[in-house]
């Protein structure tokens, strides 16, 4: 069974959340839409329902073209992306701290 990231624990498993989570975890590389859909575990046609919004909001930028495939990566200069990264970090720290507290309680019990 796949272990959920802290971002998906909080925000769920909707296709949009899965794509955002994929990019937050893989921000240094660029990907084709096919690779994004596959790695986010959503359908290609589902990705196309909201992909234009991601581009329009400046969350992703086109980096290059390989054959007919356009590649995109997370736009690290976007204020929205910066907030998402901060949020992801805050959530991870909070859930990690809760887990540490639980472990300490188990050991002391």
PDB file of N, CA and C in Angstrom:
ATOM      1  N   UNK A   1       0.825  -1.183   0.000  1.00  0.00           N
ATOM      2  CA  UNK A   1       0.000   0.000   0.000  1.00  0.00           C
ATOM      3  C   UNK A   1       0.876   1.256   0.000  1.00  0.00           C
ATOM      4  N   UNK A   2       0.502   2.216  -0.798  1.00  0.00           N
ATOM      5  CA  UNK A   2       1.247   3.456  -0.928  1.00  0.00           C
ATOM      6  C   UNK A   2       1.066   4.320   0.314  1.00  0.00           C
ATOM      7  N   UNK A   3       2.182   4.881   0.796  1.00  0.00           N
ATOM      8  CA  UNK A   3       2.102   5.789   1.934  1.00  0.00           C
ATOM      9  C   UNK A   3       1.859   7.196   1.414  1.00  0.00           C
ATOM     10  N   UNK A   4       0.872   7.866   1.982  1.00  0.00           N
ATOM     11  CA  UNK A   4       0.521   9.210   1.534  1.00  0.00           C
ATOM     12  C   UNK A   4       1.506  10.240   2.065  1.00  0.00           C
ATOM     13  N   UNK A   5       1.742  11.257   1.261  1.00  0.00           N
ATOM     14  CA  UNK A   5       2.537  12.375   1.733  1.00  0.00           C
ATOM     15  C   UNK A   5       1.704  13.181   2.714  1.00  0.00           C
ATOM     16  N   UNK A   6       2.364  13.992   3.504  1.00  0.00           N
ATOM     17  CA  UNK A   6       1.634  14.809   4.471  1.00  0.00           C
ATOM     18  C   UNK A   6       0.677  15.772   3.764  1.00  0.00           C
ATOM     19  N   UNK A   7       1.068  16.268   2.594  1.00  0.00           N
ATOM     20  CA  UNK A   7       0.207  17.175   1.830  1.00  0.00           C
ATOM     21  C   UNK A   7      -1.101  16.479   1.464  1.00  0.00           C
ATOM     22  N   UNK A   8      -1.020  15.228   1.011  1.00  0.00           N
ATOM     23  CA  UNK A   8      -2.220  14.479   0.627  1.00  0.00           C
ATOM     24  C   UNK A   8      -3.010  14.011   1.843  1.00  0.00           C
ATOM     25  N   UNK A   9      -2.361  13.794   2.983  1.00  0.00           N
ATOM     26  CA  UNK A   9      -3.091  13.446   4.201  1.00  0.00           C
ATOM     27  C   UNK A   9      -4.035  14.585   4.549  1.00  0.00           C
ATOM     28  N   UNK A  10      -3.566  15.810   4.413  1.00  0.00           N
ATOM     29  CA  UNK A  10      -4.369  16.983   4.773  1.00  0.00           C
ATOM     30  C   UNK A  10      -5.385  17.345   3.694  1.00  0.00           C
ATOM     31  N   UNK A  11      -4.963  17.338   2.422  1.00  0.00           N
ATOM     32  CA  UNK A  11      -5.819  17.859   1.355  1.00  0.00           C
ATOM     33  C   UNK A  11      -6.538  16.799   0.527  1.00  0.00           C
ATOM     34  N   UNK A  12      -6.248  15.533   0.753  1.00  0.00           N
ATOM     35  CA  UNK A  12      -6.975  14.470   0.069  1.00  0.00           C
ATOM     36  C   UNK A  12      -6.308  14.011  -1.213  1.00  0.00           C
ATOM     37  N   UNK A  13      -7.044  13.227  -1.968  1.00  0.00           N
ATOM     38  CA  UNK A  13      -6.498  12.575  -3.158  1.00  0.00           C
ATOM     39  C   UNK A  13      -7.166  13.017  -4.450  1.00  0.00           C
ATOM     40  N   UNK A  14      -7.645  14.241  -4.496  1.00  0.00           N
ATOM     41  CA  UNK A  14      -8.233  14.713  -5.754  1.00  0.00           C
ATOM     42  C   UNK A  14      -7.128  14.816  -6.800  1.00  0.00           C
ATOM     43  N   UNK A  15      -7.464  14.742  -8.066  1.00  0.00           N
ATOM     44  CA  UNK A  15      -6.440  14.834  -9.115  1.00  0.00           C
ATOM     45  C   UNK A  15      -5.584  16.100  -9.015  1.00  0.00           C
ATOM     46  N   UNK A  16      -6.195  17.223  -8.703  1.00  0.00           N
ATOM     47  CA  UNK A  16      -5.425  18.471  -8.594  1.00  0.00           C
ATOM     48  C   UNK A  16      -4.418  18.375  -7.452  1.00  0.00           C
ATOM     49  N   UNK A  17      -4.838  17.854  -6.328  1.00  0.00           N
ATOM     50  CA  UNK A  17      -3.936  17.699  -5.185  1.00  0.00           C
ATOM     51  C   UNK A  17      -2.801  16.744  -5.536  1.00  0.00           C
ATOM     52  N   UNK A  18      -3.108  15.670  -6.240  1.00  0.00           N
ATOM     53  CA  UNK A  18      -2.073  14.709  -6.630  1.00  0.00           C
ATOM     54  C   UNK A  18      -1.021  15.355  -7.534  1.00  0.00           C
ATOM     55  N   UNK A  19      -1.457  16.205  -8.454  1.00  0.00           N
ATOM     56  CA  UNK A  19      -0.506  16.865  -9.358  1.00  0.00           C
ATOM     57  C   UNK A  19       0.339  17.883  -8.592  1.00  0.00           C
ATOM     58  N   UNK A  20      -0.287  18.674  -7.743  1.00  0.00           N
ATOM     59  CA  UNK A  20       0.474  19.634  -6.938  1.00  0.00           C
ATOM     60  C   UNK A  20       1.489  18.895  -6.077  1.00  0.00           C
ATOM     61  N   UNK A  21       1.050  17.834  -5.438  1.00  0.00           N
ATOM     62  CA  UNK A  21       1.937  17.041  -4.585  1.00  0.00           C
ATOM     63  C   UNK A  21       3.100  16.460  -5.391  1.00  0.00           C
ATOM     64  N   UNK A  22       2.806  15.948  -6.579  1.00  0.00           N
ATOM     65  CA  UNK A  22       3.866  15.411  -7.437  1.00  0.00           C
ATOM     66  C   UNK A  22       4.913  16.486  -7.727  1.00  0.00           C
ATOM     67  N   UNK A  23       4.460  17.671  -8.095  1.00  0.00           N
ATOM     68  CA  UNK A  23       5.412  18.741  -8.408  1.00  0.00           C
ATOM     69  C   UNK A  23       6.172  19.219  -7.173  1.00  0.00           C
ATOM     70  N   UNK A  24       5.513  19.269  -6.026  1.00  0.00           N
ATOM     71  CA  UNK A  24       6.214  19.680  -4.811  1.00  0.00           C
ATOM     72  C   UNK A  24       7.340  18.708  -4.469  1.00  0.00           C
ATOM     73  N   UNK A  25       7.119  17.444  -4.740  1.00  0.00           N
ATOM     74  CA  UNK A  25       8.135  16.426  -4.457  1.00  0.00           C
ATOM     75  C   UNK A  25       9.171  16.284  -5.562  1.00  0.00           C
ATOM     76  N   UNK A  26       8.900  16.835  -6.736  1.00  0.00           N
ATOM     77  CA  UNK A  26       9.795  16.666  -7.901  1.00  0.00           C
ATOM     78  C   UNK A  26      10.031  18.002  -8.587  1.00  0.00           C
ATOM     79  N   UNK A  27      10.361  19.003  -7.823  1.00  0.00           N
ATOM     80  CA  UNK A  27      10.414  20.360  -8.368  1.00  0.00           C
ATOM     81  C   UNK A  27      11.647  20.667  -9.198  1.00  0.00           C
ATOM     82  N   UNK A  28      12.660  19.836  -9.124  1.00  0.00           N
ATOM     83  CA  UNK A  28      13.879  20.157  -9.854  1.00  0.00           C
ATOM     84  C   UNK A  28      13.902  19.687 -11.313  1.00  0.00           C
ATOM     85  N   UNK A  29      12.934  18.888 -11.710  1.00  0.00           N
ATOM     86  CA  UNK A  29      12.928  18.334 -13.066  1.00  0.00           C
ATOM     87  C   UNK A  29      11.732  18.809 -13.874  1.00  0.00           C
ATOM     88  N   UNK A  30      11.818  18.641 -15.189  1.00  0.00           N
ATOM     89  CA  UNK A  30      10.670  18.945 -16.045  1.00  0.00           C
ATOM     90  C   UNK A  30      10.082  17.649 -16.588  1.00  0.00           C
ATOM     91  N   UNK A  31       8.785  17.696 -16.888  1.00  0.00           N
ATOM     92  CA  UNK A  31       8.044  16.498 -17.261  1.00  0.00           C
ATOM     93  C   UNK A  31       7.062  16.786 -18.386  1.00  0.00           C
ATOM     94  N   UNK A  32       6.807  15.762 -19.188  1.00  0.00           N
ATOM     95  CA  UNK A  32       5.751  15.849 -20.192  1.00  0.00           C
ATOM     96  C   UNK A  32       4.405  15.648 -19.489  1.00  0.00           C
ATOM     97  N   UNK A  33       3.322  16.029 -20.149  1.00  0.00           N
ATOM     98  CA  UNK A  33       2.001  15.826 -19.558  1.00  0.00           C
ATOM     99  C   UNK A  33       1.726  14.346 -19.315  1.00  0.00           C
ATOM    100  N   UNK A  34       2.197  13.502 -20.203  1.00  0.00           N
ATOM    101  CA  UNK A  34       2.028  12.057 -20.024  1.00  0.00           C
ATOM    102  C   UNK A  34       2.732  11.586 -18.755  1.00  0.00           C
ATOM    103  N   UNK A  35       3.962  12.058 -18.546  1.00  0.00           N
ATOM    104  CA  UNK A  35       4.705  11.683 -17.339  1.00  0.00           C
ATOM    105  C   UNK A  35       4.058  12.240 -16.074  1.00  0.00           C
ATOM    106  N   UNK A  36       3.540  13.460 -16.156  1.00  0.00           N
ATOM    107  CA  UNK A  36       2.876  14.064 -14.997  1.00  0.00           C
ATOM    108  C   UNK A  36       1.656  13.231 -14.610  1.00  0.00           C
ATOM    109  N   UNK A  37       0.827  12.898 -15.595  1.00  0.00           N
ATOM    110  CA  UNK A  37      -0.374  12.100 -15.317  1.00  0.00           C
ATOM    111  C   UNK A  37       0.003  10.743 -14.724  1.00  0.00           C
ATOM    112  N   UNK A  38       0.990  10.096 -15.318  1.00  0.00           N
ATOM    113  CA  UNK A  38       1.406   8.777 -14.851  1.00  0.00           C
ATOM    114  C   UNK A  38       1.945   8.842 -13.422  1.00  0.00           C
ATOM    115  N   UNK A  39       2.848   9.775 -13.164  1.00  0.00           N
ATOM    116  CA  UNK A  39       3.478   9.870 -11.841  1.00  0.00           C
ATOM    117  C   UNK A  39       2.538  10.385 -10.765  1.00  0.00           C
ATOM    118  N   UNK A  40       1.541  11.172 -11.150  1.00  0.00           N
ATOM    119  CA  UNK A  40       0.552  11.653 -10.182  1.00  0.00           C
ATOM    120  C   UNK A  40      -0.583  10.640 -10.014  1.00  0.00           C
ATOM    121  N   UNK A  41      -0.550   9.598 -10.815  1.00  0.00           N
ATOM    122  CA  UNK A  41      -1.555   8.530 -10.762  1.00  0.00           C
ATOM    123  C   UNK A  41      -2.964   9.051 -11.066  1.00  0.00           C
ATOM    124  N   UNK A  42      -3.040   9.826 -12.162  1.00  0.00           N
ATOM    125  CA  UNK A  42      -4.338  10.299 -12.647  1.00  0.00           C
ATOM    126  C   UNK A  42      -4.399  10.064 -14.153  1.00  0.00           C
ATOM    127  N   UNK A  43      -5.575  10.129 -14.708  1.00  0.00           N
ATOM    128  CA  UNK A  43      -5.744   9.948 -16.136  1.00  0.00           C
ATOM    129  C   UNK A  43      -5.265  11.163 -16.920  1.00  0.00           C
ATOM    130  N   UNK A  44      -4.761  10.903 -18.119  1.00  0.00           N
ATOM    131  CA  UNK A  44      -4.275  11.967 -18.992  1.00  0.00           C
ATOM    132  C   UNK A  44      -5.395  12.951 -19.308  1.00  0.00           C
ATOM    133  N   UNK A  45      -6.586  12.443 -19.602  1.00  0.00           N
ATOM    134  CA  UNK A  45      -7.705  13.334 -19.921  1.00  0.00           C
ATOM    135  C   UNK A  45      -8.137  14.133 -18.688  1.00  0.00           C
ATOM    136  N   UNK A  46      -8.012  13.551 -17.508  1.00  0.00           N
ATOM    137  CA  UNK A  46      -8.324  14.281 -16.275  1.00  0.00           C
ATOM    138  C   UNK A  46      -7.348  15.440 -16.086  1.00  0.00           C
ATOM    139  N   UNK A  47      -6.075  15.190 -16.343  1.00  0.00           N
ATOM    140  CA  UNK A  47      -5.067  16.247 -16.227  1.00  0.00           C
ATOM    141  C   UNK A  47      -5.414  17.426 -17.128  1.00  0.00           C
ATOM    142  N   UNK A  48      -5.891  17.127 -18.327  1.00  0.00           N
ATOM    143  CA  UNK A  48      -6.216  18.187 -19.283  1.00  0.00           C
ATOM    144  C   UNK A  48      -7.409  19.037 -18.853  1.00  0.00           C
ATOM    145  N   UNK A  49      -8.215  18.545 -17.916  1.00  0.00           N
ATOM    146  CA  UNK A  49      -9.353  19.325 -17.434  1.00  0.00           C
ATOM    147  C   UNK A  49      -8.911  20.587 -16.689  1.00  0.00           C
ATOM    148  N   UNK A  50      -7.749  20.522 -16.039  1.00  0.00           N
ATOM    149  CA  UNK A  50      -7.305  21.669 -15.246  1.00  0.00           C
ATOM    150  C   UNK A  50      -5.906  22.165 -15.583  1.00  0.00           C
ATOM    151  N   UNK A  51      -5.221  21.511 -16.524  1.00  0.00           N
ATOM    152  CA  UNK A  51      -3.836  21.881 -16.822  1.00  0.00           C
ATOM    153  C   UNK A  51      -3.695  23.331 -17.278  1.00  0.00           C
ATOM    154  N   UNK A  52      -4.607  23.802 -18.121  1.00  0.00           N
ATOM    155  CA  UNK A  52      -4.528  25.192 -18.601  1.00  0.00           C
ATOM    156  C   UNK A  52      -4.587  26.173 -17.440  1.00  0.00           C
ATOM    157  N   UNK A  53      -5.336  25.832 -16.394  1.00  0.00           N
ATOM    158  CA  UNK A  53      -5.402  26.692 -15.210  1.00  0.00           C
ATOM    159  C   UNK A  53      -4.046  26.764 -14.510  1.00  0.00           C
ATOM    160  N   UNK A  54      -3.347  25.637 -14.412  1.00  0.00           N
ATOM    161  CA  UNK A  54      -2.020  25.628 -13.805  1.00  0.00           C
ATOM    162  C   UNK A  54      -1.079  26.554 -14.573  1.00  0.00           C
ATOM    163  N   UNK A  55      -1.145  26.479 -15.901  1.00  0.00           N
ATOM    164  CA  UNK A  55      -0.290  27.318 -16.749  1.00  0.00           C
ATOM    165  C   UNK A  55      -0.695  28.780 -16.603  1.00  0.00           C
ATOM    166  N   UNK A  56      -1.994  29.054 -16.683  1.00  0.00           N
ATOM    167  CA  UNK A  56      -2.489  30.426 -16.599  1.00  0.00           C
ATOM    168  C   UNK A  56      -2.128  31.069 -15.259  1.00  0.00           C
ATOM    169  N   UNK A  57      -2.200  30.312 -14.179  1.00  0.00           N
ATOM    170  CA  UNK A  57      -1.863  30.831 -12.855  1.00  0.00           C
ATOM    171  C   UNK A  57      -0.356  30.977 -12.641  1.00  0.00           C
ATOM    172  N   UNK A  58       0.422  30.477 -13.580  1.00  0.00           N
ATOM    173  CA  UNK A  58       1.871  30.577 -13.473  1.00  0.00           C
ATOM    174  C   UNK A  58       2.481  29.574 -12.514  1.00  0.00           C
ATOM    175  N   UNK A  59       1.738  28.527 -12.175  1.00  0.00           N
ATOM    176  CA  UNK A  59       2.259  27.511 -11.261  1.00  0.00           C
ATOM    177  C   UNK A  59       3.320  26.642 -11.930  1.00  0.00           C
ATOM    178  N   UNK A  60       3.178  26.457 -13.227  1.00  0.00           N
ATOM    179  CA  UNK A  60       4.142  25.676 -13.990  1.00  0.00           C
ATOM    180  C   UNK A  60       4.594  26.512 -15.191  1.00  0.00           C
ATOM    181  N   UNK A  61       5.773  26.188 -15.670  1.00  0.00           N
ATOM    182  CA  UNK A  61       6.288  26.855 -16.868  1.00  0.00           C
ATOM    183  C   UNK A  61       6.774  25.808 -17.861  1.00  0.00           C
ATOM    184  N   UNK A  62       6.596  26.141 -19.135  1.00  0.00           N
ATOM    185  CA  UNK A  62       7.092  25.249 -20.180  1.00  0.00           C
ATOM    186  C   UNK A  62       8.601  25.452 -20.274  1.00  0.00           C
ATOM    187  N   UNK A  63       9.340  24.360 -20.264  1.00  0.00           N
ATOM    188  CA  UNK A  63      10.798  24.456 -20.269  1.00  0.00           C
ATOM    189  C   UNK A  63      11.400  24.154 -21.629  1.00  0.00           C
ATOM    190  N   UNK A  64      10.815  23.183 -22.329  1.00  0.00           N
ATOM    191  CA  UNK A  64      11.375  22.783 -23.624  1.00  0.00           C
ATOM    192  C   UNK A  64      10.400  21.870 -24.332  1.00  0.00           C
ATOM    193  N   UNK A  65      10.794  21.490 -25.527  1.00  0.00           N
ATOM    194  CA  UNK A  65       9.976  20.579 -26.331  1.00  0.00           C
ATOM    195  C   UNK A  65      10.887  19.441 -26.795  1.00  0.00           C
ATOM    196  N   UNK A  66      10.393  18.224 -26.659  1.00  0.00           N
ATOM    197  CA  UNK A  66      11.114  17.054 -27.170  1.00  0.00           C
ATOM    198  C   UNK A  66      10.163  16.375 -28.137  1.00  0.00           C
ATOM    199  N   UNK A  67      10.442  16.466 -29.411  1.00  0.00           N
ATOM    200  CA  UNK A  67       9.526  15.958 -30.424  1.00  0.00           C
ATOM    201  C   UNK A  67       8.230  16.742 -30.345  1.00  0.00           C
ATOM    202  N   UNK A  68       7.141  16.025 -30.153  1.00  0.00           N
ATOM    203  CA  UNK A  68       5.836  16.697 -30.014  1.00  0.00           C
ATOM    204  C   UNK A  68       5.481  17.000 -28.566  1.00  0.00           C
ATOM    205  N   UNK A  69       6.270  16.489 -27.639  1.00  0.00           N
ATOM    206  CA  UNK A  69       5.957  16.648 -26.212  1.00  0.00           C
ATOM    207  C   UNK A  69       6.536  17.945 -25.655  1.00  0.00           C
ATOM    208  N   UNK A  70       5.680  18.703 -24.976  1.00  0.00           N
ATOM    209  CA  UNK A  70       6.129  19.889 -24.261  1.00  0.00           C
ATOM    210  C   UNK A  70       6.401  19.484 -22.823  1.00  0.00           C
ATOM    211  N   UNK A  71       7.496  19.977 -22.273  1.00  0.00           N
ATOM    212  CA  UNK A  71       7.863  19.647 -20.902  1.00  0.00           C
ATOM    213  C   UNK A  71       7.652  20.858 -19.999  1.00  0.00           C
ATOM    214  N   UNK A  72       7.212  20.565 -18.769  1.00  0.00           N
ATOM    215  CA  UNK A  72       6.898  21.605 -17.798  1.00  0.00           C
ATOM    216  C   UNK A  72       7.570  21.298 -16.471  1.00  0.00           C
ATOM    217  N   UNK A  73       7.796  22.364 -15.731  1.00  0.00           N
ATOM    218  CA  UNK A  73       8.279  22.191 -14.361  1.00  0.00           C
ATOM    219  C   UNK A  73       7.618  23.215 -13.473  1.00  0.00           C
ATOM    220  N   UNK A  74       7.724  23.002 -12.180  1.00  0.00           N
ATOM    221  CA  UNK A  74       7.151  23.913 -11.200  1.00  0.00           C
ATOM    222  C   UNK A  74       7.844  25.269 -11.323  1.00  0.00           C
ATOM    223  N   UNK A  75       7.059  26.338 -11.320  1.00  0.00           N
ATOM    224  CA  UNK A  75       7.595  27.697 -11.436  1.00  0.00           C
ATOM    225  C   UNK A  75       7.985  28.193 -10.045  1.00  0.00           C
ATOM    226  N   UNK A  76       9.260  28.049  -9.718  1.00  0.00           N
ATOM    227  CA  UNK A  76       9.742  28.389  -8.383  1.00  0.00           C
ATOM    228  C   UNK A  76       9.702  29.895  -8.101  1.00  0.00           C
ATOM    229  N   UNK A  77       9.494  30.710  -9.117  1.00  0.00           N
ATOM    230  CA  UNK A  77       9.409  32.163  -8.934  1.00  0.00           C
ATOM    231  C   UNK A  77       7.983  32.625  -8.636  1.00  0.00           C
ATOM    232  N   UNK A  78       7.016  31.756  -8.804  1.00  0.00           N
ATOM    233  CA  UNK A  78       5.616  32.101  -8.585  1.00  0.00           C
ATOM    234  C   UNK A  78       5.322  32.286  -7.095  1.00  0.00           C
ATOM    235  N   UNK A  79       4.698  33.412  -6.714  1.00  0.00           N
ATOM    236  CA  UNK A  79       4.317  33.601  -5.313  1.00  0.00           C
ATOM    237  C   UNK A  79       3.367  32.496  -4.820  1.00  0.00           C
ATOM    238  N   UNK A  80       2.492  32.027  -5.691  1.00  0.00           N
ATOM    239  CA  UNK A  80       1.573  30.951  -5.331  1.00  0.00           C
ATOM    240  C   UNK A  80       2.337  29.664  -5.024  1.00  0.00           C
ATOM    241  N   UNK A  81       3.301  29.340  -5.858  1.00  0.00           N
ATOM    242  CA  UNK A  81       4.114  28.132  -5.645  1.00  0.00           C
ATOM    243  C   UNK A  81       4.916  28.264  -4.355  1.00  0.00           C
ATOM    244  N   UNK A  82       5.469  29.444  -4.109  1.00  0.00           N
ATOM    245  CA  UNK A  82       6.229  29.658  -2.869  1.00  0.00           C
ATOM    246  C   UNK A  82       5.347  29.417  -1.652  1.00  0.00           C
ATOM    247  N   UNK A  83       4.094  29.871  -1.706  1.00  0.00           N
ATOM    248  CA  UNK A  83       3.157  29.646  -0.598  1.00  0.00           C
ATOM    249  C   UNK A  83       2.835  28.161  -0.444  1.00  0.00           C
ATOM    250  N   UNK A  84       2.664  27.465  -1.579  1.00  0.00           N
ATOM    251  CA  UNK A  84       2.389  26.022  -1.516  1.00  0.00           C
ATOM    252  C   UNK A  84       3.565  25.273  -0.897  1.00  0.00           C
ATOM    253  N   UNK A  85       4.784  25.664  -1.239  1.00  0.00           N
ATOM    254  CA  UNK A  85       5.974  25.029  -0.668  1.00  0.00           C
ATOM    255  C   UNK A  85       6.032  25.288   0.840  1.00  0.00           C
ATOM    256  N   UNK A  86       5.768  26.534   1.235  1.00  0.00           N
ATOM    257  CA  UNK A  86       5.746  26.862   2.665  1.00  0.00           C
ATOM    258  C   UNK A  86       4.683  26.049   3.397  1.00  0.00           C
ATOM    259  N   UNK A  87       3.506  25.950   2.794  1.00  0.00           N
ATOM    260  CA  UNK A  87       2.413  25.192   3.389  1.00  0.00           C
ATOM    261  C   UNK A  87       2.789  23.718   3.528  1.00  0.00           C
ATOM    262  N   UNK A  88       3.375  23.157   2.485  1.00  0.00           N
ATOM    263  CA  UNK A  88       3.796  21.757   2.510  1.00  0.00           C
ATOM    264  C   UNK A  88       4.818  21.527   3.617  1.00  0.00           C
ATOM    265  N   UNK A  89       5.765  22.441   3.753  1.00  0.00           N
ATOM    266  CA  UNK A  89       6.789  22.332   4.794  1.00  0.00           C
ATOM    267  C   UNK A  89       6.173  22.418   6.182  1.00  0.00           C
ATOM    268  N   UNK A  90       5.258  23.363   6.372  1.00  0.00           N
ATOM    269  CA  UNK A  90       4.588  23.536   7.668  1.00  0.00           C
ATOM    270  C   UNK A  90       3.793  22.288   8.045  1.00  0.00           C
ATOM    271  N   UNK A  91       3.051  21.753   7.069  1.00  0.00           N
ATOM    272  CA  UNK A  91       2.263  20.536   7.322  1.00  0.00           C
ATOM    273  C   UNK A  91       3.181  19.375   7.697  1.00  0.00           C
ATOM    274  N   UNK A  92       4.267  19.209   6.956  1.00  0.00           N
ATOM    275  CA  UNK A  92       5.204  18.110   7.225  1.00  0.00           C
ATOM    276  C   UNK A  92       5.800  18.228   8.624  1.00  0.00           C
ATOM    277  N   UNK A  93       6.204  19.432   8.992  1.00  0.00           N
ATOM    278  CA  UNK A  93       6.781  19.637  10.324  1.00  0.00           C
ATOM    279  C   UNK A  93       5.755  19.330  11.418  1.00  0.00           C
ATOM    280  N   UNK A  94       4.534  19.786  11.221  1.00  0.00           N
ATOM    281  CA  UNK A  94       3.470  19.567  12.210  1.00  0.00           C
ATOM    282  C   UNK A  94       3.182  18.071  12.386  1.00  0.00           C
ATOM    283  N   UNK A  95       3.019  17.367  11.282  1.00  0.00           N
ATOM    284  CA  UNK A  95       2.721  15.931  11.366  1.00  0.00           C
ATOM    285  C   UNK A  95       3.909  15.151  11.930  1.00  0.00           C
ATOM    286  N   UNK A  96       5.126  15.589  11.608  1.00  0.00           N
ATOM    287  CA  UNK A  96       6.311  14.922  12.139  1.00  0.00           C
ATOM    288  C   UNK A  96       6.392  15.140  13.654  1.00  0.00           C
ATOM    289  N   UNK A  97       6.115  16.356  14.088  1.00  0.00           N
ATOM    290  CA  UNK A  97       6.141  16.642  15.521  1.00  0.00           C
ATOM    291  C   UNK A  97       5.086  15.825  16.268  1.00  0.00           C
ATOM    292  N   UNK A  98       3.905  15.691  15.673  1.00  0.00           N
ATOM    293  CA  UNK A  98       2.863  14.868  16.292  1.00  0.00           C
ATOM    294  C   UNK A  98       3.308  13.414  16.402  1.00  0.00           C
ATOM    295  N   UNK A  99       3.966  12.914  15.371  1.00  0.00           N
ATOM    296  CA  UNK A  99       4.448  11.529  15.395  1.00  0.00           C
ATOM    297  C   UNK A  99       5.532  11.349  16.452  1.00  0.00           C
ATOM    298  N   UNK A 100       6.426  12.303  16.582  1.00  0.00           N
ATOM    299  CA  UNK A 100       7.478  12.237  17.609  1.00  0.00           C
ATOM    300  C   UNK A 100       6.850  12.224  19.000  1.00  0.00           C
ATOM    301  N   UNK A 101       5.852  13.062  19.211  1.00  0.00           N
ATOM    302  CA  UNK A 101       5.155  13.111  20.499  1.00  0.00           C
ATOM    303  C   UNK A 101       4.491  11.773  20.800  1.00  0.00           C
ATOM    304  N   UNK A 102       3.837  11.176  19.783  1.00  0.00           N
ATOM    305  CA  UNK A 102       3.205   9.858  19.967  1.00  0.00           C
ATOM    306  C   UNK A 102       4.222   8.805  20.349  1.00  0.00           C
ATOM    307  N   UNK A 103       5.375   8.816  19.671  1.00  0.00           N
ATOM    308  CA  UNK A 103       6.421   7.818  19.954  1.00  0.00           C
ATOM    309  C   UNK A 103       6.958   7.983  21.368  1.00  0.00           C
ATOM    310  N   UNK A 104       7.125   9.228  21.790  1.00  0.00           N
ATOM    311  CA  UNK A 104       7.611   9.468  23.155  1.00  0.00           C
ATOM    312  C   UNK A 104       6.609   8.972  24.194  1.00  0.00           C
ATOM    313  N   UNK A 105       5.310   9.165  23.916  1.00  0.00           N
ATOM    314  CA  UNK A 105       4.283   8.681  24.826  1.00  0.00           C
ATOM    315  C   UNK A 105       4.285   7.167  24.909  1.00  0.00           C
ATOM    316  N   UNK A 106       4.505   6.495  23.762  1.00  0.00           N
ATOM    317  CA  UNK A 106       4.551   5.024  23.758  1.00  0.00           C
ATOM    318  C   UNK A 106       5.733   4.517  24.581  1.00  0.00           C
ATOM    319  N   UNK A 107       6.881   5.177  24.437  1.00  0.00           N
ATOM    320  CA  UNK A 107       8.082   4.741  25.139  1.00  0.00           C
ATOM    321  C   UNK A 107       7.931   4.944  26.656  1.00  0.00           C
ATOM    322  N   UNK A 108       7.320   6.048  27.042  1.00  0.00           N
ATOM    323  CA  UNK A 108       7.166   6.343  28.481  1.00  0.00           C
ATOM    324  C   UNK A 108       6.029   5.567  29.142  1.00  0.00           C
ATOM    325  N   UNK A 109       5.169   4.948  28.352  1.00  0.00           N
ATOM    326  CA  UNK A 109       4.020   4.219  28.911  1.00  0.00           C
ATOM    327  C   UNK A 109       4.394   2.839  29.406  1.00  0.00           C
TER     328      UNK A 109
END
